[in-house]
C-alpha atoms as a PDB file:
ATOM      1  CA  MET A   1      75.657   2.095  66.790  1.00  0.00           C
ATOM      2  CA  LYS A   2      76.339   2.883  70.388  1.00  0.00           C
ATOM      3  CA  ILE A   3      80.018   3.542  71.059  1.00  0.00           C
ATOM      4  CA  LEU A   4      81.054   2.207  74.460  1.00  0.00           C
ATOM      5  CA  SER A   5      84.732   3.128  74.158  1.00  0.00           C
ATOM      6  CA  ARG A   6      87.171   4.152  71.471  1.00  0.00           C
ATOM      7  CA  THR A   7      90.897   4.593  71.777  1.00  0.00           C
ATOM      8  CA  SER A   8      93.758   4.830  69.349  1.00  0.00           C
ATOM      9  CA  CYS A   9      97.485   5.282  69.735  1.00  0.00           C
ATOM     10  CA  ILE A  10     100.803   4.978  68.002  1.00  0.00           C
ATOM     11  CA  LEU A  11     102.445   1.733  69.048  1.00  0.00           C
ATOM     12  CA  SER A  12     105.817   2.529  67.505  1.00  0.00           C
ATOM     13  CA  TYR A  13     107.492   4.921  65.132  1.00  0.00           C
ATOM     14  CA  ALA A  14     111.066   4.578  63.955  1.00  0.00           C
ATOM     15  CA  VAL A  15     112.914   6.859  61.564  1.00  0.00           C
ATOM     16  CA  ASN A  16     116.488   6.522  60.374  1.00  0.00           C
ATOM     17  CA  PRO A  17     117.922  10.050  59.973  1.00  0.00           C
ATOM     18  CA  ASP A  18     121.046   8.727  58.186  1.00  0.00           C
ATOM     19  CA  PHE A  19     119.061   6.910  55.483  1.00  0.00           C
ATOM     20  CA  PHE A  20     119.621   9.578  52.826  1.00  0.00           C
ATOM     21  CA  ASP A  21     123.316  10.137  53.670  1.00  0.00           C
ATOM     22  CA  GLY A  22     124.300   7.515  51.123  1.00  0.00           C
ATOM     23  CA  ALA A  23     123.014   7.128  47.584  1.00  0.00           C
ATOM     24  CA  ARG A  24     119.877   5.384  48.840  1.00  0.00           C
ATOM     25  CA  LYS A  25     116.417   6.437  47.938  1.00  0.00           C
ATOM     26  CA  ILE A  26     113.042   5.055  48.872  1.00  0.00           C
ATOM     27  CA  SER A  27     112.265   2.235  46.468  1.00  0.00           C
ATOM     28  CA  SER A  28     109.253   0.842  48.285  1.00  0.00           C
ATOM     29  CA  SER A  29     106.657   2.009  50.693  1.00  0.00           C
ATOM     30  CA  GLY A  30     103.501   0.358  51.821  1.00  0.00           C
ATOM     31  CA  LYS A  31     100.554   0.858  54.074  1.00  0.00           C
ATOM     32  CA  SER A  32      98.388  -1.919  55.425  1.00  0.00           C
ATOM     33  CA  GLY A  33      95.438  -2.089  57.734  1.00  0.00           C
ATOM     34  CA  ARG A  34      93.942  -5.099  59.430  1.00  0.00           C
ATOM     35  CA  ASN A  35      90.650  -5.515  61.260  1.00  0.00           C
ATOM     36  CA  TYR A  36      89.712  -8.047  63.867  1.00  0.00           C
ATOM     37  CA  TRP A  37      86.150  -8.152  65.213  1.00  0.00           C
ATOM     38  CA  GLU A  38      85.300 -10.136  68.303  1.00  0.00           C
ATOM     39  CA  PRO A  39      82.174 -10.449  70.398  1.00  0.00           C
ATOM     40  CA  THR A  40      82.542  -9.357  74.003  1.00  0.00           C
ATOM     41  CA  GLU A  41      80.430  -9.757  77.080  1.00  0.00           C
ATOM     42  CA  HIS A  42      76.958  -8.214  77.356  1.00  0.00           C
ATOM     43  CA  GLY A  43      76.280  -8.276  73.593  1.00  0.00           C
ATOM     44  CA  SER A  44      78.905  -5.732  72.627  1.00  0.00           C
ATOM     45  CA  HIS A  45      81.617  -6.162  69.988  1.00  0.00           C
ATOM     46  CA  ARG A  46      85.228  -5.030  69.766  1.00  0.00           C
ATOM     47  CA  LEU A  47      87.016  -3.903  66.645  1.00  0.00           C
ATOM     48  CA  THR A  48      90.803  -3.892  66.754  1.00  0.00           C
ATOM     49  CA  HIS A  49      92.195  -2.080  63.722  1.00  0.00           C
ATOM     50  CA  THR A  50      95.958  -2.049  63.195  1.00  0.00           C
ATOM     51  CA  LEU A  51      97.637   0.268  60.734  1.00  0.00           C
ATOM     52  CA  THR A  52     101.210   0.024  59.467  1.00  0.00           C
ATOM     53  CA  PHE A  53     103.375   2.045  57.115  1.00  0.00           C
ATOM     54  CA  ASP A  54     106.903   1.185  56.037  1.00  0.00           C
ATOM     55  CA  ALA A  55     109.203   3.008  53.622  1.00  0.00           C
ATOM     56  CA  GLY A  56     112.722   2.045  52.669  1.00  0.00           C
ATOM     57  CA  ASP A  57     115.169   0.687  50.156  1.00  0.00           C
ATOM     58  CA  ASP A  58     114.406  -2.846  48.975  1.00  0.00           C
ATOM     59  CA  GLU A  59     117.883  -3.337  47.555  1.00  0.00           C
ATOM     60  CA  SER A  60     119.779  -2.669  50.789  1.00  0.00           C
ATOM     61  CA  GLY A  61     116.969  -3.803  53.069  1.00  0.00           C
ATOM     62  CA  GLU A  62     117.246  -0.590  55.080  1.00  0.00           C
ATOM     63  CA  TRP A  63     114.133   1.217  56.215  1.00  0.00           C
ATOM     64  CA  PHE A  64     113.670   4.951  56.503  1.00  0.00           C
ATOM     65  CA  ILE A  65     110.357   4.849  58.382  1.00  0.00           C
ATOM     66  CA  GLN A  66     108.430   2.149  60.244  1.00  0.00           C
ATOM     67  CA  TYR A  67     105.088   3.132  61.764  1.00  0.00           C
ATOM     68  CA  ARG A  68     102.534   1.077  63.747  1.00  0.00           C
ATOM     69  CA  SER A  69      99.257   2.201  65.332  1.00  0.00           C
ATOM     70  CA  VAL A  70      96.105   0.620  66.685  1.00  0.00           C
ATOM     71  CA  MET A  71      92.507   1.644  67.236  1.00  0.00           C
ATOM     72  CA  ILE A  72      90.222  -0.309  69.558  1.00  0.00           C
ATOM     73  CA  CYS A  73      86.466   0.328  69.589  1.00  0.00           C
ATOM     74  CA  ASP A  74      83.899  -1.337  71.807  1.00  0.00           C
ATOM     75  CA  VAL A  75      80.426  -0.903  70.352  1.00  0.00           C
ATOM     76  CA  MET A  76      76.858  -2.092  70.428  1.00  0.00           C
ATOM     77  CA  ILE A  77      76.013  -2.869  66.807  1.00  0.00           C
ATOM     78  CA  GLU A  78      72.497  -1.727  65.904  1.00  0.00           C
ATOM     79  CA  ASP A  79      72.332  -1.461  62.093  1.00  0.00           C
ATOM     80  CA  VAL A  80      75.181  -3.216  60.260  1.00  0.00           C
ATOM     81  CA  LYS A  81      74.899  -1.120  57.070  1.00  0.00           C
ATOM     82  CA  GLN A  82      74.991   2.208  58.934  1.00  0.00           C
ATOM     83  CA  ASP A  83      77.458   1.050  61.570  1.00  0.00           C
ATOM     84  CA  ALA A  84      79.902  -0.243  58.939  1.00  0.00           C
ATOM     85  CA  LEU A  85      80.066   3.238  57.414  1.00  0.00           C
ATOM     86  CA  GLN A  86      80.707   4.795  60.823  1.00  0.00           C
ATOM     87  CA  MET A  87      83.499   2.302  61.581  1.00  0.00           C
ATOM     88  CA  LEU A  88      85.081   3.050  58.199  1.00  0.00           C
ATOM     89  CA  ALA A  89      84.909   6.758  59.038  1.00  0.00           C
ATOM     90  CA  PHE A  90      86.866   5.976  62.241  1.00  0.00           C
ATOM     91  CA  GLU A  91      89.434   4.074  60.157  1.00  0.00           C
ATOM     92  CA  GLN A  92      89.699   7.057  57.822  1.00  0.00           C
ATOM     93  CA  GLU A  93      90.381   9.334  60.815  1.00  0.00           C
ATOM     94  CA  LEU A  94      93.154   6.962  61.946  1.00  0.00           C
ATOM     95  CA  ASN A  95      94.655   7.022  58.442  1.00  0.00           C
ATOM     96  CA  GLU A  96      94.551  10.819  58.302  1.00  0.00           C
ATOM     97  CA  SER A  97      96.151  10.993  61.738  1.00  0.00           C
ATOM     98  CA  MET A  98      98.936   8.655  60.550  1.00  0.00           C
ATOM     99  CA  ASN A  99      99.506  10.750  57.422  1.00  0.00           C
ATOM    100  CA  LYS A 100      99.781  13.952  59.467  1.00  0.00           C
ATOM    101  CA  PHE A 101     102.082  12.370  62.037  1.00  0.00           C
ATOM    102  CA  ILE A 102     104.436  11.002  59.375  1.00  0.00           C
ATOM    103  CA  LYS A 103     104.390  14.317  57.504  1.00  0.00           C
ATOM    104  CA  ASP A 104     105.282  16.194  60.688  1.00  0.00           C
ATOM    105  CA  ASN A 105     107.962  13.676  61.724  1.00  0.00           C
ATOM    106  CA  SER A 106     109.656  12.586  58.496  1.00  0.00           C
ATOM    107  CA  LEU A 107     112.693  14.855  58.900  1.00  0.00           C
ATOM    108  CA  SER A 108     111.601  16.999  55.921  1.00  0.00           C
ATOM    109  CA  HIS A 109     111.542  14.013  53.548  1.00  0.00           C
ATOM    110  CA  ILE A 110     107.760  13.874  53.074  1.00  0.00           C
ATOM    111  CA  SER A 111     108.122  14.637  49.352  1.00  0.00           C
ATOM    112  CA  GLU A 112     109.998  11.354  48.914  1.00  0.00           C
ATOM    113  CA  LEU A 113     107.319   9.258  50.597  1.00  0.00           C
ATOM    114  CA  HIS A 114     104.300   7.824  48.861  1.00  0.00           C
ATOM    115  CA  ILE A 115     101.551   7.367  51.421  1.00  0.00           C
ATOM    116  CA  PRO A 116      98.464   5.923  49.741  1.00  0.00           C
ATOM    117  CA  PRO A 117      95.233   7.724  50.625  1.00  0.00           C
ATOM    118  CA  PHE A 118      92.443   5.961  52.484  1.00  0.00           C
ATOM    119  CA  SER A 119      90.128   4.317  50.010  1.00  0.00           C
ATOM    120  CA  LEU A 120      86.444   3.954  50.777  1.00  0.00           C
ATOM    121  CA  ASN A 121      84.824   1.758  48.147  1.00  0.00           C
ATOM    122  CA  GLU A 122      82.144  -0.889  47.754  1.00  0.00           C
ATOM    123  CA  TRP A 123      84.599  -3.671  48.579  1.00  0.00           C
ATOM    124  CA  SER A 124      85.689  -2.075  51.894  1.00  0.00           C
ATOM    125  CA  ILE A 125      82.061  -1.430  52.876  1.00  0.00           C
ATOM    126  CA  LYS A 126      81.039  -4.997  52.041  1.00  0.00           C
ATOM    127  CA  LYS A 127      84.055  -6.427  53.905  1.00  0.00           C
ATOM    128  CA  MET A 128      83.274  -4.390  57.031  1.00  0.00           C
ATOM    129  CA  GLU A 129      79.622  -5.515  56.915  1.00  0.00           C
ATOM    130  CA  GLU A 130      80.674  -9.170  56.519  1.00  0.00           C
ATOM    131  CA  ASP A 131      83.125  -8.942  59.420  1.00  0.00           C
ATOM    132  CA  MET A 132      80.511  -7.324  61.654  1.00  0.00           C
ATOM    133  CA  ASN A 133      77.916  -9.960  60.742  1.00  0.00           C
ATOM    134  CA  ARG A 134      80.433 -12.742  61.449  1.00  0.00           C
ATOM    135  CA  SER A 135      81.110 -11.290  64.899  1.00  0.00           C
ATOM    136  CA  ILE A 136      77.378 -11.038  65.588  1.00  0.00           C
ATOM    137  CA  SER A 137      76.726 -14.624  64.500  1.00  0.00           C
ATOM    138  CA  THR A 138      79.667 -15.968  66.511  1.00  0.00           C
ATOM    139  CA  GLY A 139      78.469 -14.596  69.830  1.00  0.00           C
ATOM    140  CA  TYR A 140      80.495 -14.359  73.010  1.00  0.00           C
ATOM    141  CA  ASP A 141      81.967 -17.622  74.223  1.00  0.00           C
ATOM    142  CA  GLU A 142      83.303 -17.493  77.765  1.00  0.00           C
ATOM    143  CA  LYS A 143      85.384 -20.665  77.287  1.00  0.00           C
ATOM    144  CA  HIS A 144      86.974 -19.247  74.143  1.00  0.00           C
ATOM    145  CA  ALA A 145      87.715 -15.922  75.880  1.00  0.00           C
ATOM    146  CA  GLU A 146      89.302 -17.768  78.819  1.00  0.00           C
ATOM    147  CA  MET A 147      91.385 -19.892  76.441  1.00  0.00           C
ATOM    148  CA  LEU A 148      92.678 -16.720  74.726  1.00  0.00           C
ATOM    149  CA  LYS A 149      93.652 -15.295  78.119  1.00  0.00           C
ATOM    150  CA  LEU A 150      95.564 -18.475  78.956  1.00  0.00           C
ATOM    151  CA  MET A 151      97.309 -18.499  75.585  1.00  0.00           C
ATOM    152  CA  LYS A 152      98.410 -14.892  76.073  1.00  0.00           C
ATOM    153  CA  ALA A 153      99.621 -15.724  79.591  1.00  0.00           C
ATOM    154  CA  ASN A 154     101.637 -18.692  78.321  1.00  0.00           C
ATOM    155  CA  ILE A 155     103.549 -16.589  75.839  1.00  0.00           C
ATOM    156  CA  ASN A 156     104.077 -13.775  78.352  1.00  0.00           C
ATOM    157  CA  PHE A 157     101.934 -11.454  76.278  1.00  0.00           C
ATOM    158  CA  VAL A 158     100.643  -8.511  78.243  1.00  0.00           C
ATOM    159  CA  PRO A 159      98.489  -6.208  76.101  1.00  0.00           C
ATOM    160  CA  GLN A 160      99.458  -2.620  76.771  1.00  0.00           C
ATOM    161  CA  VAL A 161      98.934   0.587  74.907  1.00  0.00           C
ATOM    162  CA  LYS A 162     102.287   2.304  74.530  1.00  0.00           C
ATOM    163  CA  THR A 163     103.686   5.092  72.461  1.00  0.00           C
ATOM    164  CA  LYS A 164     107.252   4.611  71.324  1.00  0.00           C
ATOM    165  CA  ILE A 165     109.196   6.868  69.015  1.00  0.00           C
ATOM    166  CA  THR A 166     112.654   5.718  68.003  1.00  0.00           C
ATOM    167  CA  ILE A 167     115.202   7.675  66.031  1.00  0.00           C
ATOM    168  CA  ILE A 168     118.015   5.501  64.781  1.00  0.00           C
ATOM    169  CA  ASN A 169     121.264   7.377  64.415  1.00  0.00           C
ATOM    170  CA  LYS A 170     123.937   5.138  62.935  1.00  0.00           C
ATOM    171  CA  SER A 171     126.711   7.672  63.330  1.00  0.00           C
ATOM    172  CA  ASN A 172     126.493   7.265  67.133  1.00  0.00           C
ATOM    173  CA  GLU A 173     126.787   3.480  67.085  1.00  0.00           C
END
């Protein structure tokens, strides 16, 4: 695989420092990742991988941490089997980066969080290969790309890469 560009960033991170002031404790936490492959011009392909992690109290509905990040890779796919493994390695790096960031910025409550480790298994490899093959077989469609641009313009969506860290302090409200 030839990597044309690769970027990743934290889109948002919010932590509620007053969460543990009451009798609350973290009753649920979850991590999810989502991939979207699309063909681009000149035979390249773009992977957009989003990663989220939320931890909070289901009973009260309050969250302690909300995390969102994205990785965007533009690549020339050469060998789907090999390239799928390399893309999964990039996803693993993003997961490890998230884990470190949350550990360093969880206000000393990391022991109360359950952050599932990245899991590389046959299913994830097969899914990545299938998604890559689907993108290859779809091919770039200029009309479709133009329609997506118009749709984004109509809903005032302007894709930007931003980093936002929010600390919610209820005692100041």
